[in-house]
Amino acid sequence: MTIPKADSAIIYIPHGGGPLPLLGHAGHDAMNAFIKELAAMLPKPKAVVVISAHWETDLPMVISHPEPELVYDYYGFPRQAYEIAYPAAGHPELALKAVELLKEAGIKAGADAKRGFDHGVYIPLTLMLPKADVPCIQISLSKGLDPGTHLSMGEALRPLLKEKIWLLGSGFSFHNMRGFDLQAGPGSPSVPDHQNRSFQDWLKKTCANEKIPPEQQKENLLNWEHAPAARYCHPREEHLLPLMVCAGAAGYQTAHKAFDVKIMGRSSVSFFWPEIV
């Protein structure tokens, strides 16, 4: 894969099932491999801005603590899942800049100096930046889960790309918990799921097809519920909304690369936009 020279990058990826990607779960092998491969090909950022599916607030909030703790926001896993460490520093200055950009765009927002990073942050970043030597901030979803709000958030945050960052949308393009197969792994028999496939194909056509102009991409994402099998793949859309923020920040340009991998037996797509600022 060829990566264009870029100062910053916008990335939408799955973060997997809770801590399973870091616990050796075979159903995450393909996901872990492509995330590591992509990170290795990108210039090391000066900071990472993460929009995770696992933090919702009444209005968008940005973690501004200089040394955020980790939130183990899952249950029922082995002891080692609660011993995961990712001691990345926060970035209060960048956090406040993000808050101001949102406010300037007419989006009410605030800083949170107490909350820690949830697993939507430290699971993928452990794979991408295992030394935890890049400062991070996390931005919440807006509780109303309105796609237009999150597209506008991305548009507002676009100036942050001048800071040589990774803007990371951490979600999952398929998030029907009943649809996953925890026993699936490399070499497992493939069980077709046509609804899963049709929505992933729609996402690729929307975000990674040069024939789709920016205004059409935005319109498609605003009306994502009308896509094939949309509500089968997302009974609740919190894992899709980080993609909206990414697309807005990318100016609805065609993604440079779409990844399509099996995770716990179901296809999940990811997108990468290099931003030359």
C-alpha atoms as a PDB file:
ATOM      1  CA  MET A   1       0.000   0.000   0.000  1.00  0.00           C
ATOM      2  CA  THR A   2       1.317   3.441  -0.947  1.00  0.00           C
ATOM      3  CA  ILE A   3       0.721   6.263   1.521  1.00  0.00           C
ATOM      4  CA  PRO A   4       0.790   9.807   0.105  1.00  0.00           C
ATOM      5  CA  LYS A   5       3.089  12.201   1.904  1.00  0.00           C
ATOM      6  CA  ALA A   6       0.962  14.003   4.468  1.00  0.00           C
ATOM      7  CA  ASP A   7       1.362  16.005   7.645  1.00  0.00           C
ATOM      8  CA  SER A   8      -1.810  14.662   9.237  1.00  0.00           C
ATOM      9  CA  ALA A   9      -4.201  11.761   8.742  1.00  0.00           C
ATOM     10  CA  ILE A  10      -7.858  11.003   9.303  1.00  0.00           C
ATOM     11  CA  ILE A  11      -8.629   7.392  10.122  1.00  0.00           C
ATOM     12  CA  TYR A  12     -11.846   5.518  10.887  1.00  0.00           C
ATOM     13  CA  ILE A  13     -11.222   2.067  12.342  1.00  0.00           C
ATOM     14  CA  PRO A  14     -12.920  -0.585  14.471  1.00  0.00           C
ATOM     15  CA  HIS A  15     -11.635  -1.030  18.008  1.00  0.00           C
ATOM     16  CA  GLY A  16     -12.937  -4.580  18.346  1.00  0.00           C
ATOM     17  CA  GLY A  17     -14.868  -6.298  21.089  1.00  0.00           C
ATOM     18  CA  GLY A  18     -13.855  -4.728  24.391  1.00  0.00           C
ATOM     19  CA  PRO A  19     -10.294  -5.771  25.344  1.00  0.00           C
ATOM     20  CA  LEU A  20     -10.285  -8.857  23.082  1.00  0.00           C
ATOM     21  CA  PRO A  21      -7.834  -7.413  20.512  1.00  0.00           C
ATOM     22  CA  LEU A  22      -5.173  -7.289  23.231  1.00  0.00           C
ATOM     23  CA  LEU A  23      -6.020 -10.672  24.746  1.00  0.00           C
ATOM     24  CA  GLY A  24      -4.999 -12.816  21.774  1.00  0.00           C
ATOM     25  CA  HIS A  25      -8.538 -13.433  20.525  1.00  0.00           C
ATOM     26  CA  ALA A  26      -8.257 -15.083  17.089  1.00  0.00           C
ATOM     27  CA  GLY A  27     -11.323 -13.289  15.764  1.00  0.00           C
ATOM     28  CA  HIS A  28      -9.345 -10.043  15.902  1.00  0.00           C
ATOM     29  CA  ASP A  29      -6.166 -11.213  14.159  1.00  0.00           C
ATOM     30  CA  ALA A  30      -6.998  -9.606  10.802  1.00  0.00           C
ATOM     31  CA  MET A  31      -8.052  -6.342  12.456  1.00  0.00           C
ATOM     32  CA  ASN A  32      -4.902  -6.136  14.548  1.00  0.00           C
ATOM     33  CA  ALA A  33      -2.707  -6.830  11.519  1.00  0.00           C
ATOM     34  CA  PHE A  34      -4.143  -4.107   9.288  1.00  0.00           C
ATOM     35  CA  ILE A  35      -4.204  -1.503  12.085  1.00  0.00           C
ATOM     36  CA  LYS A  36      -0.539  -2.154  12.853  1.00  0.00           C
ATOM     37  CA  GLU A  37       0.338  -2.099   9.144  1.00  0.00           C
ATOM     38  CA  LEU A  38      -1.392   1.216   8.569  1.00  0.00           C
ATOM     39  CA  ALA A  39       0.177   2.853  11.630  1.00  0.00           C
ATOM     40  CA  ALA A  40       3.649   1.714  10.576  1.00  0.00           C
ATOM     41  CA  MET A  41       3.255   3.455   7.203  1.00  0.00           C
ATOM     42  CA  LEU A  42       2.164   6.802   8.622  1.00  0.00           C
ATOM     43  CA  PRO A  43       4.468   9.538   9.916  1.00  0.00           C
ATOM     44  CA  LYS A  44       4.428   9.635  13.695  1.00  0.00           C
ATOM     45  CA  PRO A  45       1.941  12.327  14.766  1.00  0.00           C
ATOM     46  CA  LYS A  46       2.542  15.080  17.285  1.00  0.00           C
ATOM     47  CA  ALA A  47      -0.789  14.232  18.915  1.00  0.00           C
ATOM     48  CA  VAL A  48      -3.830  12.013  18.449  1.00  0.00           C
ATOM     49  CA  VAL A  49      -7.413  13.249  18.624  1.00  0.00           C
ATOM     50  CA  VAL A  50      -9.835  10.363  19.210  1.00  0.00           C
ATOM     51  CA  ILE A  51     -13.595  10.317  18.817  1.00  0.00           C
ATOM     52  CA  SER A  52     -14.680   7.116  20.552  1.00  0.00           C
ATOM     53  CA  ALA A  53     -18.044   5.399  20.392  1.00  0.00           C
ATOM     54  CA  HIS A  54     -17.915   4.876  24.156  1.00  0.00           C
ATOM     55  CA  TRP A  55     -18.385   8.372  25.508  1.00  0.00           C
ATOM     56  CA  GLU A  56     -21.629  10.275  25.072  1.00  0.00           C
ATOM     57  CA  THR A  57     -22.444  13.611  26.682  1.00  0.00           C
ATOM     58  CA  ASP A  58     -25.253  16.139  26.372  1.00  0.00           C
ATOM     59  CA  LEU A  59     -22.890  18.395  24.427  1.00  0.00           C
ATOM     60  CA  PRO A  60     -19.490  17.485  22.997  1.00  0.00           C
ATOM     61  CA  MET A  61     -16.786  17.393  25.657  1.00  0.00           C
ATOM     62  CA  VAL A  62     -13.011  17.173  25.305  1.00  0.00           C
ATOM     63  CA  ILE A  63     -10.709  15.512  27.837  1.00  0.00           C
ATOM     64  CA  SER A  64      -8.292  18.160  29.070  1.00  0.00           C
ATOM     65  CA  HIS A  65      -6.520  16.320  31.897  1.00  0.00           C
ATOM     66  CA  PRO A  66      -2.715  16.315  31.421  1.00  0.00           C
ATOM     67  CA  GLU A  67      -2.436  12.674  32.558  1.00  0.00           C
ATOM     68  CA  PRO A  68      -5.765  10.881  31.973  1.00  0.00           C
ATOM     69  CA  GLU A  69      -6.350   7.568  33.699  1.00  0.00           C
ATOM     70  CA  LEU A  70      -7.881   4.580  31.900  1.00  0.00           C
ATOM     71  CA  VAL A  71     -11.542   3.656  32.172  1.00  0.00           C
ATOM     72  CA  TYR A  72     -12.087  -0.120  32.042  1.00  0.00           C
ATOM     73  CA  ASP A  73     -15.557   0.226  30.579  1.00  0.00           C
ATOM     74  CA  TYR A  74     -16.276  -3.476  30.045  1.00  0.00           C
ATOM     75  CA  TYR A  75     -17.047  -6.399  32.306  1.00  0.00           C
ATOM     76  CA  GLY A  76     -16.758 -10.164  32.508  1.00  0.00           C
ATOM     77  CA  PHE A  77     -13.249 -10.458  31.056  1.00  0.00           C
ATOM     78  CA  PRO A  78     -10.112 -12.101  32.497  1.00  0.00           C
ATOM     79  CA  ARG A  79      -8.037 -10.251  35.077  1.00  0.00           C
ATOM     80  CA  GLN A  80      -5.456  -9.085  32.527  1.00  0.00           C
ATOM     81  CA  ALA A  81      -8.146  -7.015  30.788  1.00  0.00           C
ATOM     82  CA  TYR A  82      -8.155  -4.768  33.863  1.00  0.00           C
ATOM     83  CA  GLU A  83      -4.383  -4.524  33.996  1.00  0.00           C
ATOM     84  CA  ILE A  84      -3.962  -2.979  30.536  1.00  0.00           C
ATOM     85  CA  ALA A  85      -1.809   0.128  30.767  1.00  0.00           C
ATOM     86  CA  TYR A  86      -1.510   2.929  28.256  1.00  0.00           C
ATOM     87  CA  PRO A  87       0.193   5.884  29.967  1.00  0.00           C
ATOM     88  CA  ALA A  88      -0.113   8.411  27.160  1.00  0.00           C
ATOM     89  CA  ALA A  89      -0.128  12.015  28.253  1.00  0.00           C
ATOM     90  CA  GLY A  90      -3.054  14.296  27.656  1.00  0.00           C
ATOM     91  CA  HIS A  91      -2.731  17.581  25.760  1.00  0.00           C
ATOM     92  CA  PRO A  92      -4.669  20.340  27.584  1.00  0.00           C
ATOM     93  CA  GLU A  93      -3.676  23.033  25.093  1.00  0.00           C
ATOM     94  CA  LEU A  94      -4.921  21.018  22.108  1.00  0.00           C
ATOM     95  CA  ALA A  95      -8.068  20.086  24.027  1.00  0.00           C
ATOM     96  CA  LEU A  96      -8.931  23.731  24.625  1.00  0.00           C
ATOM     97  CA  LYS A  97      -8.234  24.514  20.975  1.00  0.00           C
ATOM     98  CA  ALA A  98     -10.702  21.783  19.961  1.00  0.00           C
ATOM     99  CA  VAL A  99     -13.320  23.234  22.309  1.00  0.00           C
ATOM    100  CA  GLU A 100     -12.860  26.691  20.820  1.00  0.00           C
ATOM    101  CA  LEU A 101     -13.126  25.403  17.253  1.00  0.00           C
ATOM    102  CA  LEU A 102     -16.403  23.678  18.076  1.00  0.00           C
ATOM    103  CA  LYS A 103     -17.766  26.819  19.735  1.00  0.00           C
ATOM    104  CA  GLU A 104     -16.698  28.988  16.809  1.00  0.00           C
ATOM    105  CA  ALA A 105     -18.754  26.707  14.572  1.00  0.00           C
ATOM    106  CA  GLY A 106     -21.807  27.263  16.772  1.00  0.00           C
ATOM    107  CA  ILE A 107     -21.518  23.888  18.533  1.00  0.00           C
ATOM    108  CA  LYS A 108     -21.778  24.126  22.301  1.00  0.00           C
ATOM    109  CA  ALA A 109     -18.837  22.245  23.811  1.00  0.00           C
ATOM    110  CA  GLY A 110     -16.748  22.052  26.960  1.00  0.00           C
ATOM    111  CA  ALA A 111     -13.585  20.650  28.535  1.00  0.00           C
ATOM    112  CA  ASP A 112     -13.566  17.748  31.003  1.00  0.00           C
ATOM    113  CA  ALA A 113     -10.524  17.694  33.287  1.00  0.00           C
ATOM    114  CA  LYS A 114     -11.564  14.560  35.204  1.00  0.00           C
ATOM    115  CA  ARG A 115     -12.566  11.813  32.781  1.00  0.00           C
ATOM    116  CA  GLY A 116     -10.079   9.190  31.619  1.00  0.00           C
ATOM    117  CA  PHE A 117      -9.591   7.416  28.293  1.00  0.00           C
ATOM    118  CA  ASP A 118     -12.043   4.595  27.525  1.00  0.00           C
ATOM    119  CA  HIS A 119     -11.200   1.434  25.619  1.00  0.00           C
ATOM    120  CA  GLY A 120     -12.100   3.088  22.319  1.00  0.00           C
ATOM    121  CA  VAL A 121      -8.891   5.056  22.848  1.00  0.00           C
ATOM    122  CA  TYR A 122      -6.359   2.764  24.460  1.00  0.00           C
ATOM    123  CA  ILE A 123      -7.189  -0.462  22.613  1.00  0.00           C
ATOM    124  CA  PRO A 124      -6.460   0.827  19.077  1.00  0.00           C
ATOM    125  CA  LEU A 125      -3.626   3.091  20.227  1.00  0.00           C
ATOM    126  CA  THR A 126      -1.877   0.189  21.941  1.00  0.00           C
ATOM    127  CA  LEU A 127      -1.748  -1.401  18.482  1.00  0.00           C
ATOM    128  CA  MET A 128      -0.866   1.784  16.612  1.00  0.00           C
ATOM    129  CA  LEU A 129       1.484   3.581  19.017  1.00  0.00           C
ATOM    130  CA  PRO A 130       2.518   0.922  21.541  1.00  0.00           C
ATOM    131  CA  LYS A 131       5.109   3.118  23.280  1.00  0.00           C
ATOM    132  CA  ALA A 132       2.324   5.486  24.425  1.00  0.00           C
ATOM    133  CA  ASP A 133       4.708   8.355  23.690  1.00  0.00           C
ATOM    134  CA  VAL A 134       2.287  10.592  21.767  1.00  0.00           C
ATOM    135  CA  PRO A 135      -0.129  12.848  23.676  1.00  0.00           C
ATOM    136  CA  CYS A 136      -3.838  12.221  23.134  1.00  0.00           C
ATOM    137  CA  ILE A 137      -7.144  13.918  23.635  1.00  0.00           C
ATOM    138  CA  GLN A 138     -10.599  12.373  23.400  1.00  0.00           C
ATOM    139  CA  ILE A 139     -13.797  14.021  22.192  1.00  0.00           C
ATOM    140  CA  SER A 140     -17.221  12.706  23.133  1.00  0.00           C
ATOM    141  CA  LEU A 141     -20.214  11.996  20.972  1.00  0.00           C
ATOM    142  CA  SER A 142     -23.284  14.165  21.320  1.00  0.00           C
ATOM    143  CA  LYS A 143     -25.976  12.197  23.156  1.00  0.00           C
ATOM    144  CA  GLY A 144     -28.654  12.910  20.588  1.00  0.00           C
ATOM    145  CA  LEU A 145     -26.695  10.758  18.098  1.00  0.00           C
ATOM    146  CA  ASP A 146     -27.707  13.075  15.275  1.00  0.00           C
ATOM    147  CA  PRO A 147     -25.579  12.427  12.172  1.00  0.00           C
ATOM    148  CA  GLY A 148     -25.662  16.074  11.099  1.00  0.00           C
ATOM    149  CA  THR A 149     -24.248  17.188  14.444  1.00  0.00           C
ATOM    150  CA  HIS A 150     -21.304  14.828  14.091  1.00  0.00           C
ATOM    151  CA  LEU A 151     -20.640  15.779  10.485  1.00  0.00           C
ATOM    152  CA  SER A 152     -20.574  19.417  11.629  1.00  0.00           C
ATOM    153  CA  MET A 153     -18.215  18.516  14.466  1.00  0.00           C
ATOM    154  CA  GLY A 154     -15.797  17.077  11.931  1.00  0.00           C
ATOM    155  CA  GLU A 155     -16.041  20.168   9.732  1.00  0.00           C
ATOM    156  CA  ALA A 156     -15.323  22.365  12.768  1.00  0.00           C
ATOM    157  CA  LEU A 157     -12.308  20.303  13.847  1.00  0.00           C
ATOM    158  CA  ARG A 158     -10.622  20.362  10.432  1.00  0.00           C
ATOM    159  CA  PRO A 159      -8.181  23.166  11.412  1.00  0.00           C
ATOM    160  CA  LEU A 160      -6.649  20.801  13.976  1.00  0.00           C
ATOM    161  CA  LEU A 161      -5.056  18.975  11.054  1.00  0.00           C
ATOM    162  CA  LYS A 162      -2.538  21.826  10.884  1.00  0.00           C
ATOM    163  CA  GLU A 163      -1.154  20.461  14.161  1.00  0.00           C
ATOM    164  CA  LYS A 164       0.242  17.288  12.499  1.00  0.00           C
ATOM    165  CA  ILE A 165      -2.205  14.962  14.214  1.00  0.00           C
ATOM    166  CA  TRP A 166      -4.068  11.774  13.640  1.00  0.00           C
ATOM    167  CA  LEU A 167      -7.802  12.344  13.842  1.00  0.00           C
ATOM    168  CA  LEU A 168      -8.978   8.881  14.810  1.00  0.00           C
ATOM    169  CA  GLY A 169     -12.607   7.799  14.618  1.00  0.00           C
ATOM    170  CA  SER A 170     -12.762   4.739  16.849  1.00  0.00           C
ATOM    171  CA  GLY A 171     -15.947   2.761  16.266  1.00  0.00           C
ATOM    172  CA  PHE A 172     -17.119  -0.265  14.286  1.00  0.00           C
ATOM    173  CA  SER A 173     -18.898  -0.307  10.919  1.00  0.00           C
ATOM    174  CA  PHE A 174     -20.845  -3.386  12.027  1.00  0.00           C
ATOM    175  CA  HIS A 175     -22.141  -3.344  15.578  1.00  0.00           C
ATOM    176  CA  ASN A 176     -24.993  -5.796  15.958  1.00  0.00           C
ATOM    177  CA  MET A 177     -23.831  -7.701  19.040  1.00  0.00           C
ATOM    178  CA  ARG A 178     -26.072 -10.679  18.215  1.00  0.00           C
ATOM    179  CA  GLY A 179     -24.499 -10.959  14.785  1.00  0.00           C
ATOM    180  CA  PHE A 180     -20.911 -11.618  15.882  1.00  0.00           C
ATOM    181  CA  ASP A 181     -19.391 -15.078  16.127  1.00  0.00           C
ATOM    182  CA  LEU A 182     -16.935 -15.142  19.023  1.00  0.00           C
ATOM    183  CA  GLN A 183     -15.635 -18.519  17.878  1.00  0.00           C
ATOM    184  CA  ALA A 184     -14.705 -17.287  14.407  1.00  0.00           C
ATOM    185  CA  GLY A 185     -11.053 -16.884  13.543  1.00  0.00           C
ATOM    186  CA  PRO A 186      -8.540 -17.487  10.743  1.00  0.00           C
ATOM    187  CA  GLY A 187      -9.496 -20.638   8.873  1.00  0.00           C
ATOM    188  CA  SER A 188     -13.003 -20.807  10.312  1.00  0.00           C
ATOM    189  CA  PRO A 189     -15.823 -21.704   7.899  1.00  0.00           C
ATOM    190  CA  SER A 190     -17.296 -18.546   6.442  1.00  0.00           C
ATOM    191  CA  VAL A 191     -21.013 -18.081   7.108  1.00  0.00           C
ATOM    192  CA  PRO A 192     -22.426 -15.525   4.654  1.00  0.00           C
ATOM    193  CA  ASP A 193     -24.291 -12.592   6.139  1.00  0.00           C
ATOM    194  CA  HIS A 194     -25.747 -10.711   3.210  1.00  0.00           C
ATOM    195  CA  GLN A 195     -27.098  -7.881   5.357  1.00  0.00           C
ATOM    196  CA  ASN A 196     -23.684  -7.299   6.888  1.00  0.00           C
ATOM    197  CA  ARG A 197     -22.110  -7.327   3.424  1.00  0.00           C
ATOM    198  CA  SER A 198     -24.617  -4.996   1.792  1.00  0.00           C
ATOM    199  CA  PHE A 199     -24.131  -2.227   4.360  1.00  0.00           C
ATOM    200  CA  GLN A 200     -20.344  -2.465   4.218  1.00  0.00           C
ATOM    201  CA  ASP A 201     -20.497  -2.209   0.431  1.00  0.00           C
ATOM    202  CA  TRP A 202     -22.737   0.850   0.744  1.00  0.00           C
ATOM    203  CA  LEU A 203     -20.237   2.505   3.070  1.00  0.00           C
ATOM    204  CA  LYS A 204     -17.379   1.828   0.650  1.00  0.00           C
ATOM    205  CA  LYS A 205     -19.404   3.174  -2.262  1.00  0.00           C
ATOM    206  CA  THR A 206     -20.238   6.297  -0.244  1.00  0.00           C
ATOM    207  CA  CYS A 207     -16.809   7.080   1.223  1.00  0.00           C
ATOM    208  CA  ALA A 208     -14.257   5.504  -1.115  1.00  0.00           C
ATOM    209  CA  ASN A 209     -15.694   5.925  -4.610  1.00  0.00           C
ATOM    210  CA  GLU A 210     -14.385   8.796  -6.712  1.00  0.00           C
ATOM    211  CA  LYS A 211     -17.660   8.881  -8.636  1.00  0.00           C
ATOM    212  CA  ILE A 212     -19.465  10.092  -5.512  1.00  0.00           C
ATOM    213  CA  PRO A 213     -19.019  13.888  -5.253  1.00  0.00           C
ATOM    214  CA  PRO A 214     -18.539  15.472  -1.800  1.00  0.00           C
ATOM    215  CA  GLU A 215     -22.064  16.839  -1.592  1.00  0.00           C
ATOM    216  CA  GLN A 216     -23.508  13.392  -2.355  1.00  0.00           C
ATOM    217  CA  GLN A 217     -21.267  11.738   0.230  1.00  0.00           C
ATOM    218  CA  LYS A 218     -22.522  14.154   2.869  1.00  0.00           C
ATOM    219  CA  GLU A 219     -26.133  13.582   1.834  1.00  0.00           C
ATOM    220  CA  ASN A 220     -25.678   9.802   1.970  1.00  0.00           C
ATOM    221  CA  LEU A 221     -24.164   9.934   5.444  1.00  0.00           C
ATOM    222  CA  LEU A 222     -26.890  12.241   6.710  1.00  0.00           C
ATOM    223  CA  ASN A 223     -29.432   9.678   5.527  1.00  0.00           C
ATOM    224  CA  TRP A 224     -27.481   6.540   6.424  1.00  0.00           C
ATOM    225  CA  GLU A 225     -30.580   4.892   7.942  1.00  0.00           C
ATOM    226  CA  HIS A 226     -31.927   4.429   4.409  1.00  0.00           C
ATOM    227  CA  ALA A 227     -28.908   2.371   3.346  1.00  0.00           C
ATOM    228  CA  PRO A 228     -29.336  -1.403   2.849  1.00  0.00           C
ATOM    229  CA  ALA A 229     -29.507  -3.241   6.195  1.00  0.00           C
ATOM    230  CA  ALA A 230     -28.554  -0.068   8.076  1.00  0.00           C
ATOM    231  CA  ARG A 231     -30.467  -0.857  11.240  1.00  0.00           C
ATOM    232  CA  TYR A 232     -29.450  -4.511  11.167  1.00  0.00           C
ATOM    233  CA  CYS A 233     -25.803  -3.436  11.250  1.00  0.00           C
ATOM    234  CA  HIS A 234     -26.423  -0.602  13.691  1.00  0.00           C
ATOM    235  CA  PRO A 235     -29.386  -1.139  16.013  1.00  0.00           C
ATOM    236  CA  ARG A 236     -27.875   1.885  17.751  1.00  0.00           C
ATOM    237  CA  GLU A 237     -25.535   4.146  15.790  1.00  0.00           C
ATOM    238  CA  GLU A 238     -22.892   5.188  18.306  1.00  0.00           C
ATOM    239  CA  HIS A 239     -20.207   3.055  16.605  1.00  0.00           C
ATOM    240  CA  LEU A 240     -20.939   4.597  13.200  1.00  0.00           C
ATOM    241  CA  LEU A 241     -20.879   8.236  14.297  1.00  0.00           C
ATOM    242  CA  PRO A 242     -17.071   8.502  14.618  1.00  0.00           C
ATOM    243  CA  LEU A 243     -17.080   7.960  10.838  1.00  0.00           C
ATOM    244  CA  MET A 244     -19.289  11.031  10.461  1.00  0.00           C
ATOM    245  CA  VAL A 245     -16.754  13.151  12.325  1.00  0.00           C
ATOM    246  CA  CYS A 246     -13.953  11.797  10.129  1.00  0.00           C
ATOM    247  CA  ALA A 247     -15.852  12.421   6.902  1.00  0.00           C
ATOM    248  CA  GLY A 248     -16.687  15.973   7.928  1.00  0.00           C
ATOM    249  CA  ALA A 249     -13.060  16.682   8.818  1.00  0.00           C
ATOM    250  CA  ALA A 250     -11.988  15.256   5.451  1.00  0.00           C
ATOM    251  CA  GLY A 251     -14.299  17.661   3.637  1.00  0.00           C
ATOM    252  CA  TYR A 252     -16.255  14.685   2.214  1.00  0.00           C
ATOM    253  CA  GLN A 253     -13.388  13.850  -0.094  1.00  0.00           C
ATOM    254  CA  THR A 254     -12.945  10.298  -1.342  1.00  0.00           C
ATOM    255  CA  ALA A 255     -11.056   8.161   1.153  1.00  0.00           C
ATOM    256  CA  HIS A 256      -7.610   7.210  -0.088  1.00  0.00           C
ATOM    257  CA  LYS A 257      -7.980   3.642   1.122  1.00  0.00           C
ATOM    258  CA  ALA A 258     -10.784   1.386   2.333  1.00  0.00           C
ATOM    259  CA  PHE A 259      -9.919  -1.685   4.387  1.00  0.00           C
ATOM    260  CA  ASP A 260     -12.375  -4.564   4.628  1.00  0.00           C
ATOM    261  CA  VAL A 261     -11.611  -7.279   7.168  1.00  0.00           C
ATOM    262  CA  LYS A 262     -13.447  -9.975   9.081  1.00  0.00           C
ATOM    263  CA  ILE A 263     -13.774  -9.408  12.820  1.00  0.00           C
ATOM    264  CA  MET A 264     -15.495 -12.100  14.839  1.00  0.00           C
ATOM    265  CA  GLY A 265     -16.960 -13.493  11.639  1.00  0.00           C
ATOM    266  CA  ARG A 266     -18.384 -10.258  10.260  1.00  0.00           C
ATOM    267  CA  SER A 267     -17.053  -7.802   7.706  1.00  0.00           C
ATOM    268  CA  SER A 268     -16.044  -4.381   8.928  1.00  0.00           C
ATOM    269  CA  VAL A 269     -14.725  -1.533   6.801  1.00  0.00           C
ATOM    270  CA  SER A 270     -12.273   1.211   7.705  1.00  0.00           C
ATOM    271  CA  PHE A 271     -11.214   4.351   5.881  1.00  0.00           C
ATOM    272  CA  PHE A 272      -8.060   6.403   5.650  1.00  0.00           C
ATOM    273  CA  TRP A 273      -7.667   9.953   4.374  1.00  0.00           C
ATOM    274  CA  PRO A 274      -4.190  11.513   4.182  1.00  0.00           C
ATOM    275  CA  GLU A 275      -4.466  15.236   4.709  1.00  0.00           C
ATOM    276  CA  ILE A 276      -1.782  17.432   3.164  1.00  0.00           C
ATOM    277  CA  VAL A 277      -2.185  20.668   5.071  1.00  0.00           C
END
